[in-house]
Protein backbone atom coordinates (compact mmCIF):
# COMPACT_ATOMS: atom_id res chain seq x y z
CA UNK A 1 -13.87 -6.25 -3.01
CA UNK A 2 -13.27 -2.53 -2.48
CA UNK A 3 -10.01 -0.72 -2.98
CA UNK A 4 -8.24 1.71 -0.87
CA UNK A 5 -8.15 4.90 -2.97
CA UNK A 6 -4.67 5.53 -2.01
CA UNK A 7 -3.11 2.10 -2.14
CA UNK A 8 -3.05 -0.92 -4.34
CA UNK A 9 -2.15 -2.88 -1.20
CA UNK A 10 -5.81 -2.67 -0.23
CA UNK A 11 -6.58 -5.53 -2.62
CA UNK A 12 -4.83 -8.13 -0.44
CA UNK A 13 -7.32 -10.04 1.70
CA UNK A 14 -6.52 -10.39 5.37
CA UNK A 15 -7.47 -13.62 7.17
CA UNK A 16 -10.88 -13.34 8.85
CA UNK A 17 -9.89 -15.23 11.97
CA UNK A 18 -6.42 -15.13 13.48
CA UNK A 19 -4.94 -16.89 16.44
CA UNK A 20 -3.63 -14.90 19.38
CA UNK A 21 0.08 -15.34 18.68
CA UNK A 22 -0.11 -14.56 14.96
CA UNK A 23 -1.28 -10.97 15.51
CA UNK A 24 1.33 -8.87 17.34
CA UNK A 25 -0.01 -5.59 18.61
CA UNK A 26 0.74 -2.24 17.08
CA UNK A 27 3.22 -1.26 19.80
CA UNK A 28 5.82 -3.60 18.23
CA UNK A 29 6.56 -0.65 15.88
CA UNK A 30 7.37 1.71 18.73
CA UNK A 31 10.54 2.87 16.99
CA UNK A 32 8.57 4.81 14.35
CA UNK A 33 8.09 8.06 16.36
CA UNK A 34 11.70 8.44 17.60
CA UNK A 35 13.03 7.49 14.17
CA UNK A 36 10.85 10.10 12.46
CA UNK A 37 11.69 12.77 15.04
CA UNK A 38 15.45 12.19 14.74
CA UNK A 39 15.30 12.18 10.95
CA UNK A 40 13.34 15.44 10.95
CA UNK A 41 15.81 17.06 13.32
CA UNK A 42 18.88 15.98 11.36
CA UNK A 43 17.23 16.96 8.07
CA UNK A 44 17.09 20.57 9.22
CA UNK A 45 20.00 20.96 11.61
CA UNK A 46 22.73 19.46 9.41
CA UNK A 47 21.96 21.26 6.13
CA UNK A 48 21.29 24.67 7.76
CA UNK A 49 24.50 24.43 9.81
CA UNK A 50 26.50 23.40 6.74
CA UNK A 51 25.12 26.12 4.47
CA UNK A 52 25.46 28.93 7.02
CA UNK A 53 29.01 27.81 7.93
CA UNK A 54 30.09 27.57 4.27
CA UNK A 55 28.72 31.04 3.51
CA UNK A 56 30.09 32.54 6.73
CA UNK A 57 26.62 33.63 7.80
CA UNK A 58 26.20 34.96 11.32
CA UNK A 59 25.63 32.42 14.10
CA UNK A 60 25.27 29.19 12.05
CA UNK A 61 24.80 27.07 15.20
CA UNK A 62 22.07 29.32 16.59
CA UNK A 63 20.29 29.50 13.21
CA UNK A 64 20.38 25.72 12.80
CA UNK A 65 19.09 25.20 16.35
CA UNK A 66 16.20 27.66 15.95
CA UNK A 67 15.20 26.19 12.57
CA UNK A 68 15.27 22.66 13.99
CA UNK A 69 13.19 23.55 17.03
CA UNK A 70 10.63 25.33 14.85
CA UNK A 71 10.40 22.34 12.51
CA UNK A 72 9.91 19.87 15.34
CA UNK A 73 7.36 22.15 17.00
CA UNK A 74 5.31 22.40 13.80
CA UNK A 75 5.40 18.66 13.22
CA UNK A 76 4.54 17.94 16.86
CA UNK A 77 1.73 20.49 16.85
CA UNK A 78 0.19 18.74 13.85
CA UNK A 79 0.54 15.38 15.63
CA UNK A 80 2.86 13.88 13.04
CA UNK A 81 4.62 11.70 15.62
CA UNK A 82 1.61 9.85 17.04
CA UNK A 83 2.31 6.11 17.00
CA UNK A 84 -1.28 5.29 16.06
CA UNK A 85 -1.19 7.43 12.89
CA UNK A 86 2.47 7.46 11.84
CA UNK A 87 2.92 5.31 8.75
CA UNK A 88 -0.77 5.05 7.90
CA UNK A 89 -0.15 7.21 4.80
CA UNK A 90 2.85 8.46 2.84
CA UNK A 91 2.31 11.93 4.31
CA UNK A 92 3.88 13.81 1.40
CA UNK A 93 1.20 16.48 1.16
CA UNK A 94 1.27 16.94 4.94
CA UNK A 95 5.06 17.31 4.80
CA UNK A 96 4.83 20.01 2.13
CA UNK A 97 2.14 21.78 4.18
CA UNK A 98 4.34 21.77 7.30
CA UNK A 99 7.40 22.90 5.36
CA UNK A 100 5.57 25.92 3.95
CA UNK A 101 4.48 26.83 7.49
CA UNK A 102 8.13 26.55 8.56
CA UNK A 103 9.16 29.03 5.87
CA UNK A 104 6.47 31.46 7.01
CA UNK A 105 7.39 31.10 10.69
CA UNK A 106 11.10 31.63 10.06
CA UNK A 107 10.34 34.60 7.83
CA UNK A 108 8.35 36.14 10.69
CA UNK A 109 11.18 35.51 13.17
CA UNK A 110 13.63 37.02 10.69
CA UNK A 111 11.56 40.20 10.51
CA UNK A 112 11.20 40.43 14.32
CA UNK A 113 14.88 39.86 15.10
CA UNK A 114 16.32 41.83 12.19
CA UNK A 115 18.42 38.86 11.09
CA UNK A 116 20.38 39.78 7.94
CA UNK A 117 21.57 36.51 6.43
CA UNK A 118 20.92 35.89 2.75
CA UNK A 119 17.47 34.53 1.99
CA UNK A 120 19.02 32.12 -0.49
CA UNK A 121 21.03 30.55 2.34
CA UNK A 122 17.87 29.85 4.31
CA UNK A 123 16.09 28.31 1.33
CA UNK A 124 19.07 26.14 0.37
CA UNK A 125 19.48 25.01 3.98
CA UNK A 126 15.79 24.19 4.45
CA UNK A 127 15.16 22.37 1.17
CA UNK A 128 16.76 19.10 2.39
CA UNK A 129 14.23 18.99 5.25
CA UNK A 130 11.47 18.56 2.70
CA UNK A 131 13.29 15.65 1.05
CA UNK A 132 14.46 13.97 4.26
CA UNK A 133 11.08 14.15 6.02
CA UNK A 134 9.20 13.07 2.89
CA UNK A 135 11.53 10.11 2.39
CA UNK A 136 11.22 9.15 6.05
CA UNK A 137 7.43 9.13 5.84
CA UNK A 138 7.52 6.95 2.73
CA UNK A 139 9.98 4.51 4.32
CA UNK A 140 7.84 4.14 7.45
CA UNK A 141 4.67 3.74 5.37
CA UNK A 142 6.23 1.01 3.23
CA UNK A 143 7.63 -0.76 6.27
CA UNK A 144 4.24 -0.71 7.98
CA UNK A 145 2.51 -1.89 4.79
CA UNK A 146 4.93 -4.80 4.53
CA UNK A 147 4.25 -5.79 8.13
CA UNK A 148 0.52 -5.63 7.49
CA UNK A 149 0.93 -8.11 4.63
CA UNK A 150 2.51 -10.45 7.19
CA UNK A 151 -0.39 -9.95 9.65
CA UNK A 152 1.77 -7.87 11.97
CA UNK A 153 1.50 -4.41 13.55
CA UNK A 154 -2.23 -4.91 14.01
CA UNK A 155 -4.89 -4.25 16.64
CA UNK A 156 -7.01 -7.16 17.78
CA UNK A 157 -10.69 -6.29 17.45
CA UNK A 158 -13.81 -7.77 19.03
CA UNK A 159 -16.92 -6.84 17.02
CA UNK A 160 -20.23 -6.54 18.91
CA UNK A 161 -23.64 -6.20 17.28
CA UNK A 162 -26.43 -7.93 15.39
CA UNK A 163 -25.48 -10.75 13.01
CA UNK A 164 -26.08 -8.97 9.69
CA UNK A 165 -24.22 -5.71 10.43
CA UNK A 166 -21.41 -7.63 12.14
CA UNK A 167 -20.91 -9.70 8.96
CA UNK A 168 -20.69 -6.54 6.84
CA UNK A 169 -18.10 -4.87 9.08
CA UNK A 170 -16.02 -8.02 9.49
CA UNK A 171 -15.98 -8.68 5.73
CA UNK A 172 -14.93 -5.11 4.92
CA UNK A 173 -12.09 -5.16 7.44
CA UNK A 174 -10.91 -8.55 6.18
CA UNK A 175 -10.94 -7.47 2.53
CA UNK A 176 -8.24 -4.80 2.91
CA UNK A 177 -4.84 -4.46 4.55
CA UNK A 178 -4.52 -0.67 4.59
CA UNK A 179 -5.62 -0.44 8.23
CA UNK A 180 -4.57 -1.69 11.65
CA UNK A 181 -7.59 -3.83 12.55
CA UNK A 182 -8.02 -7.60 12.48
CA UNK A 183 -11.22 -9.17 13.83
CA UNK A 184 -10.53 -11.99 16.29
CA UNK A 185 -14.06 -12.65 17.53
CA UNK A 186 -17.67 -11.51 17.70
CA UNK A 187 -20.35 -11.08 20.34
CA UNK A 188 -23.83 -11.10 18.84
CA UNK A 189 -26.86 -9.24 20.05
CA UNK A 190 -30.17 -10.99 19.45
CA UNK A 191 -30.96 -13.94 17.16
CA UNK A 192 -29.12 -14.96 14.00
CA UNK A 193 -25.78 -16.51 13.21
CA UNK A 194 -22.75 -14.83 11.59
CA UNK A 195 -21.66 -15.95 8.12
CA UNK A 196 -18.19 -14.42 8.24
CA UNK A 197 -16.50 -17.47 9.76
CA UNK A 198 -15.14 -15.53 12.75
CA UNK A 199 -15.54 -17.24 16.14
CA UNK A 200 -18.65 -16.26 18.08
CA UNK A 201 -17.56 -15.70 21.68
CA UNK A 202 -20.82 -14.76 23.31
CA UNK A 203 -24.38 -13.56 22.86
CA UNK A 204 -26.24 -10.66 24.43
CA UNK A 205 -29.86 -10.84 25.51
CA UNK A 206 -32.07 -9.54 22.70
CA UNK A 207 -34.39 -7.83 25.18
CA UNK A 208 -31.54 -6.02 26.84
CA UNK A 209 -30.76 -5.83 30.56
CA UNK A 210 -33.11 -4.33 33.13
CA UNK A 211 -31.09 -1.60 34.87
CA UNK A 212 -31.59 -1.22 38.66
CA UNK A 213 -32.94 2.31 39.16
CA UNK A 214 -31.41 2.59 42.63
CA UNK A 215 -27.82 2.11 41.40
CA UNK A 216 -27.75 3.53 37.84
CA UNK A 217 -23.95 3.79 37.70
CA UNK A 218 -23.26 0.12 38.41
CA UNK A 219 -22.93 -2.66 35.83
CA UNK A 220 -24.35 -5.71 37.65
CA UNK A 221 -23.28 -9.24 36.80
CA UNK A 222 -25.13 -10.97 33.97
CA UNK A 223 -25.50 -7.83 31.87
CA UNK A 224 -23.74 -6.87 28.59
CA UNK A 225 -20.46 -5.68 30.12
CA UNK A 226 -19.23 -8.97 31.64
CA UNK A 227 -20.15 -10.92 28.49
CA UNK A 228 -18.20 -8.58 26.22
CA UNK A 229 -15.25 -8.29 28.60
CA UNK A 230 -14.95 -12.05 28.97
CA UNK A 231 -14.88 -12.44 25.18
CA UNK A 232 -12.30 -9.64 24.80
CA UNK A 233 -10.01 -11.11 27.44
CA UNK A 234 -10.34 -14.60 26.00
CA UNK A 235 -8.98 -13.40 22.65
CA UNK A 236 -6.63 -10.75 24.06
CA UNK A 237 -8.53 -8.05 22.13
CA UNK A 238 -7.48 -4.44 22.68
CA UNK A 239 -10.42 -2.77 20.88
CA UNK A 240 -14.16 -3.38 21.17
CA UNK A 241 -15.91 -2.26 17.98
CA UNK A 242 -19.67 -1.95 18.36
CA UNK A 243 -22.01 -1.91 15.37
CA UNK A 244 -25.11 -0.08 16.66
CA UNK A 245 -28.52 -1.41 15.74
CA UNK A 246 -32.04 -1.73 17.06
CA UNK A 247 -30.79 -3.83 20.01
CA UNK A 248 -27.75 -1.71 20.90
CA UNK A 249 -28.75 1.91 21.36
CA UNK A 250 -29.20 4.57 24.01
CA UNK A 251 -28.68 3.66 27.64
CA UNK A 252 -27.65 0.09 26.84
CA UNK A 253 -24.86 1.30 24.56
CA UNK A 254 -23.79 3.90 27.10
CA UNK A 255 -23.39 1.34 29.87
CA UNK A 256 -21.48 -0.99 27.57
CA UNK A 257 -19.08 1.88 26.89
CA UNK A 258 -18.53 2.32 30.65
CA UNK A 259 -17.81 -1.36 31.17
CA UNK A 260 -15.30 -1.60 28.31
CA UNK A 261 -13.42 1.60 29.08
CA UNK A 262 -13.32 0.97 32.84
CA UNK A 263 -11.61 -2.33 31.99
CA UNK A 264 -8.86 -0.45 30.13
CA UNK A 265 -9.92 -1.39 26.60
CA UNK A 266 -10.48 0.95 23.67
CA UNK A 267 -14.04 1.43 22.46
CA UNK A 268 -15.24 2.45 18.99
CA UNK A 269 -18.50 2.65 17.06
CA UNK A 270 -18.92 1.68 13.40
CA UNK A 271 -21.28 4.28 11.93
CA UNK A 272 -22.15 2.24 8.83
CA UNK A 273 -20.99 5.15 6.67
CA UNK A 274 -18.40 4.11 4.06
CA UNK A 275 -16.18 5.74 1.41
CA UNK A 276 -16.37 9.26 2.89
CA UNK A 277 -13.09 11.13 3.40
CA UNK A 278 -12.33 11.99 7.02
CA UNK A 279 -12.01 15.70 6.25
CA UNK A 280 -15.71 15.78 5.30
CA UNK A 281 -16.82 14.54 8.72
CA UNK A 282 -17.43 16.62 11.83
CA UNK A 283 -19.15 15.95 15.14
CA UNK A 284 -21.53 18.11 17.17
CA UNK A 285 -23.97 17.56 20.01
CA UNK A 286 -27.62 18.54 20.43
CA UNK A 287 -29.91 17.61 23.33
CA UNK A 288 -27.37 15.01 24.45
CA UNK A 289 -27.21 13.40 21.01
CA UNK A 290 -23.91 13.11 19.18
CA UNK A 291 -24.44 14.13 15.55
CA UNK A 292 -22.14 13.16 12.70
CA UNK A 293 -22.15 15.83 10.00
CA UNK A 294 -21.07 15.11 6.42
CA UNK A 295 -19.84 18.02 4.31
CA UNK A 296 -21.02 17.93 0.68
CA UNK A 297 -18.56 17.08 -2.12
CA UNK A 298 -16.62 19.98 -3.62
CA UNK A 299 -18.67 21.17 -6.58
CA UNK A 300 -18.26 24.96 -6.36
CA UNK A 301 -16.12 27.48 -4.54
CA UNK A 302 -12.39 28.16 -4.31
CA UNK A 303 -11.01 24.65 -4.76
CA UNK A 304 -12.86 23.88 -8.03
CA UNK A 305 -11.73 27.27 -9.36
CA UNK A 306 -8.11 26.56 -8.38
CA UNK A 307 -8.35 23.10 -9.94
CA UNK A 308 -9.60 24.55 -13.23
CA UNK A 309 -6.83 27.16 -13.38
CA UNK A 310 -4.12 24.63 -12.50
CA UNK A 311 -5.46 22.14 -15.06
CA UNK A 312 -5.21 24.55 -17.96
CA UNK A 313 -1.97 26.19 -16.87
CA UNK A 314 -0.12 22.91 -16.28
CA UNK A 315 -1.54 21.30 -19.45
CA UNK A 316 -0.54 24.33 -21.52
CA UNK A 317 2.98 24.30 -20.07
CA UNK A 318 3.27 20.54 -20.62
CA UNK A 319 2.23 20.91 -24.27
CA UNK A 320 4.85 23.60 -24.81
CA UNK A 321 7.64 21.62 -23.20
CA UNK A 322 6.71 18.31 -24.89
CA UNK A 323 6.11 19.75 -28.37
CA UNK A 324 9.29 18.15 -29.88
CA UNK A 325 8.34 14.79 -28.36
CA UNK A 326 4.80 15.06 -29.73
CA UNK A 327 6.19 15.66 -33.22
CA UNK A 328 8.51 12.64 -32.95
CA UNK A 329 5.72 10.39 -31.71
CA UNK A 330 3.39 11.54 -34.47
CA UNK A 331 6.05 10.69 -37.06
CA UNK A 332 6.67 7.28 -35.46
CA UNK A 333 2.96 6.40 -35.49
CA UNK A 334 2.70 7.41 -39.16
CA UNK A 335 5.67 5.23 -40.15
CA UNK A 336 4.73 2.23 -37.98
CA UNK A 337 1.40 1.32 -39.59
CA UNK A 338 -1.13 2.67 -42.08
CA UNK A 339 -3.79 5.02 -40.70
CA UNK A 340 -4.18 8.42 -39.06
CA UNK A 341 -1.74 9.65 -36.42
CA UNK A 342 -4.44 10.62 -33.94
CA UNK A 343 -7.29 8.43 -32.81
CA UNK A 344 -10.48 10.38 -32.15
CA UNK A 345 -13.20 8.86 -30.02
CA UNK A 346 -16.41 10.18 -28.51
CA UNK A 347 -16.39 10.02 -24.73
CA UNK A 348 -18.83 11.20 -22.10
CA UNK A 349 -17.65 14.03 -19.88
CA UNK A 350 -18.85 16.18 -17.01
CA UNK A 351 -22.61 15.89 -16.42
CA UNK A 352 -23.02 13.59 -19.41
CA UNK A 353 -21.78 16.03 -22.07
CA UNK A 354 -20.07 14.18 -24.96
CA UNK A 355 -16.69 15.33 -26.29
CA UNK A 356 -14.02 14.11 -28.70
CA UNK A 357 -11.04 12.55 -26.94
CA UNK A 358 -7.67 12.51 -28.70
CA UNK A 359 -4.95 9.88 -28.41
CA UNK A 360 -2.05 8.70 -30.50
CA UNK A 361 -3.31 5.73 -32.50
CA UNK A 362 -2.14 2.44 -30.98
CA UNK A 363 -4.33 0.02 -32.99
CA UNK A 364 -4.77 -0.88 -36.60
CA UNK A 365 -7.00 1.46 -38.58
CA UNK A 366 -10.00 -0.94 -38.71
CA UNK A 367 -9.86 -1.87 -35.01
CA UNK A 368 -13.52 -1.02 -34.30
CA UNK A 369 -14.70 -3.25 -37.15
CA UNK A 370 -12.77 -6.19 -35.67
CA UNK A 371 -14.14 -5.79 -32.13
CA UNK A 372 -17.32 -7.90 -32.55
CA UNK A 373 -15.17 -10.90 -33.41
CA UNK A 374 -13.24 -10.48 -30.13
CA UNK A 375 -16.14 -10.03 -27.69
CA UNK A 376 -15.78 -13.61 -26.46
CA UNK A 377 -12.21 -12.80 -25.32
CA UNK A 378 -13.24 -9.75 -23.26
CA UNK A 379 -11.60 -9.97 -19.82
CA UNK A 380 -14.10 -7.54 -18.24
CA UNK A 381 -17.27 -9.57 -18.70
CA UNK A 382 -18.63 -8.38 -15.33
CA UNK A 383 -18.95 -4.77 -16.53
CA UNK A 384 -19.34 -2.61 -19.62
CA UNK A 385 -15.58 -2.33 -20.32
CA UNK A 386 -13.76 -4.16 -23.11
CA UNK A 387 -10.15 -5.11 -22.30
CA UNK A 388 -7.75 -7.80 -23.54
CA UNK A 389 -4.19 -8.38 -22.40
CA UNK A 390 -3.13 -9.62 -25.85
CA UNK A 391 -5.38 -7.59 -28.11
CA UNK A 392 -4.31 -8.53 -31.71
CA UNK A 393 -5.42 -5.11 -32.96
CA UNK A 394 -2.64 -3.27 -31.07
CA UNK A 395 0.35 -2.31 -33.24
CA UNK A 396 4.01 -2.88 -32.34
CA UNK A 397 4.57 0.76 -31.49
CA UNK A 398 1.15 0.87 -29.84
CA UNK A 399 2.21 -1.62 -27.17
CA UNK A 400 5.14 0.63 -26.21
CA UNK A 401 2.97 3.75 -26.21
CA UNK A 402 0.36 2.10 -24.00
CA UNK A 403 2.89 0.75 -21.53
CA UNK A 404 4.48 4.19 -21.13
CA UNK A 405 1.13 6.06 -21.41
CA UNK A 406 2.64 8.28 -24.12
CA UNK A 407 -0.45 7.64 -26.24
CA UNK A 408 -2.39 9.78 -23.73
CA UNK A 409 -0.35 12.97 -24.29
CA UNK A 410 -2.74 14.50 -26.90
CA UNK A 411 -5.39 14.56 -24.17
CA UNK A 412 -3.55 17.60 -22.83
CA UNK A 413 -5.43 19.48 -25.56
CA UNK A 414 -8.70 18.21 -24.05
CA UNK A 415 -7.55 19.56 -20.68
CA UNK A 416 -6.69 22.97 -22.14
CA UNK A 417 -10.13 23.12 -23.75
CA UNK A 418 -11.79 22.38 -20.40
CA UNK A 419 -13.26 19.03 -21.48
CA UNK A 420 -11.05 17.05 -19.13
CA UNK A 421 -9.05 17.56 -15.96
CA UNK A 422 -5.52 16.46 -15.14
CA UNK A 423 -6.97 14.20 -12.43
CA UNK A 424 -10.39 12.59 -12.46
CA UNK A 425 -12.35 9.40 -13.24
CA UNK A 426 -11.66 7.45 -16.43
CA UNK A 427 -13.61 9.00 -19.36
CA UNK A 428 -16.29 6.44 -20.35
CA UNK A 429 -17.62 5.52 -23.78
CA UNK A 430 -21.25 6.32 -24.72
CA UNK A 431 -22.15 2.61 -24.84
CA UNK A 432 -20.76 2.18 -21.33
CA UNK A 433 -22.80 5.09 -20.00
CA UNK A 434 -25.92 3.65 -21.66
CA UNK A 435 -25.59 0.69 -19.28
CA UNK A 436 -25.05 2.82 -16.17
CA UNK A 437 -27.45 2.80 -13.27
CA UNK A 438 -28.01 5.57 -10.74
CA UNK A 439 -24.83 4.69 -8.82
CA UNK A 440 -22.54 4.62 -11.87
CA UNK A 441 -23.93 7.90 -13.21
CA UNK A 442 -22.59 9.68 -10.14
CA UNK A 443 -19.04 9.38 -11.50
CA UNK A 444 -20.03 11.93 -14.15
CA UNK A 445 -20.35 14.56 -11.42
CA UNK A 446 -16.76 15.72 -12.09
CA UNK A 447 -14.67 16.08 -15.24
CA UNK A 448 -12.89 12.92 -16.43
CA UNK A 449 -9.15 12.91 -15.93
CA UNK A 450 -5.95 12.36 -17.86
CA UNK A 451 -4.93 10.34 -14.81
CA UNK A 452 -6.74 9.31 -11.65
CA UNK A 453 -7.02 6.72 -8.88
CA UNK A 454 -7.48 3.97 -11.51
CA UNK A 455 -4.19 4.99 -13.18
CA UNK A 456 -2.15 4.63 -9.98
CA UNK A 457 -3.94 1.50 -8.74
CA UNK A 458 -3.45 -0.99 -11.55
CA UNK A 459 -5.30 0.41 -14.62
CA UNK A 460 -6.61 -2.46 -16.72
CA UNK A 461 -5.77 -5.01 -14.00
CA UNK A 462 -8.69 -3.62 -12.00
CA UNK A 463 -12.09 -5.26 -12.22
CA UNK A 464 -15.10 -3.14 -13.17
CA UNK A 465 -16.30 -3.01 -9.55
CA UNK A 466 -12.86 -2.01 -8.27
CA UNK A 467 -12.45 0.75 -10.85
CA UNK A 468 -15.97 2.02 -10.17
CA UNK A 469 -15.31 2.13 -6.41
CA UNK A 470 -12.18 4.23 -6.99
CA UNK A 471 -14.00 6.62 -9.33
CA UNK A 472 -16.93 7.07 -6.94
CA UNK A 473 -14.63 7.74 -4.02
CA UNK A 474 -12.77 10.34 -6.05
CA UNK A 475 -15.98 12.00 -7.26
CA UNK A 476 -17.22 12.58 -3.72
CA UNK A 477 -13.92 13.21 -1.92
CA UNK A 478 -11.53 14.94 -4.32
CA UNK A 479 -9.40 17.89 -3.23
CA UNK A 480 -6.58 19.91 -4.77
CA UNK A 481 -4.01 18.38 -2.41
CA UNK A 482 -5.35 14.92 -3.22
CA UNK A 483 -4.94 15.67 -6.93
CA UNK A 484 -1.31 16.65 -6.34
CA UNK A 485 -0.76 13.34 -4.59
CA UNK A 486 -2.27 11.40 -7.52
CA UNK A 487 -0.10 13.33 -10.01
CA UNK A 488 3.02 12.49 -8.00
CA UNK A 489 2.08 8.79 -7.90
CA UNK A 490 1.25 8.70 -11.61
CA UNK A 491 4.92 8.92 -12.56
CA UNK A 492 5.66 5.77 -10.58
CA UNK A 493 2.66 3.99 -12.13
CA UNK A 494 3.83 4.91 -15.64
CA UNK A 495 7.36 3.66 -14.94
CA UNK A 496 5.98 0.45 -13.41
CA UNK A 497 3.67 -0.12 -16.40
CA UNK A 498 1.40 -2.48 -14.45
CA UNK A 499 -2.02 -2.92 -15.99
CA UNK A 500 -1.16 -1.00 -19.17
CA UNK A 501 -2.33 -3.02 -22.16
């Protein structure tokens, strides 16, 4: 099972075959766009009007109206109110991005009009917009996620293709609930039977139809179109998802597109490409071919440089601010059990370079010597990790430190030294890396992190395969804004304490 990098909800398996009445369509959540638009408007208009009125600034009503219209125009221009996308993510980074544009736009209008109100009034009046819009996005996202867990707010999908690829697509869609699609039937091209358990509603001729040259724009009876349309109507599907293969290409695929879209249904192609962030994809055309381009992962350039500077600056500031707490924790560890305050361990970092990782000691001093006796109790037998929920080697204070992640604070020194990043994959042990194959080694392409997708998605509750999938997705698709999102979600994960043992 694969995880959604951004959501622990992705681990819930959706039924692979659903009756017509149990899957309401997405338009049942039609109140999302007007709710979001009204919240955005009130989040700007009310605070700006109140602040400008209280400070006796000129034209408070006009200022509030202009600010509100600008805010709604920015959000609309970035398509934040589309019903098909609203609620699919928390949208916090997008909200911050739009809010900064709002500040720039209003600053430009201020310069053009010669408006003389205090800048502090504008900032105080606009700050609530950031909170109100961000909260609204989170509320809608959680509401939509809850409905998805109840098999609601979904799009009914008919999958068309050869048996093997259809099974893969259907299984991947069924394994996660962080999307709007539920497969209600299949139409197979060529021989073979599906193993996914989803009803087969038709079969296309493996040889493909012979198109009449005299009427190339017609879809005659008995060809692919009527078979697919009959299956879609029988299950009330509103999307036909085609998995291209050797039997569904070129002119045959083109004519199937005509038939489906002329019938008023949506049409989509599954490229077979997985775990690639949307921002890395672009489309072009050459000689009539549609080409899907994949941008390489961020390894050099402005964003890695910004990440490095932010890592060291934030880690240095955090060490300064938390210095009294670090002293208190060090004293508590010393008094709780015999042994050193800090636990030093060799880990493997960026590009396979070993480094010494520091943590507050949470186990008894001879913990490593006791490990061979506990191998039979390892709860991660499917991978190279060693984890136990009730590890007898953990001290009393150690359990508290692990649950709150306070034992990780000394790793801020590793970040300052450039050995780790604030956000990245979990830093592996040398014996784990010794068992890596070519796929697992790819996670060493970026610096390990103090926190990361694994930290906000369940930590030790994750299986080896789930944690690896999160790390690989991060390695190939990280961005500075994505890191900021992970850092914001880390606080909630620490408070929740799930998977920390």
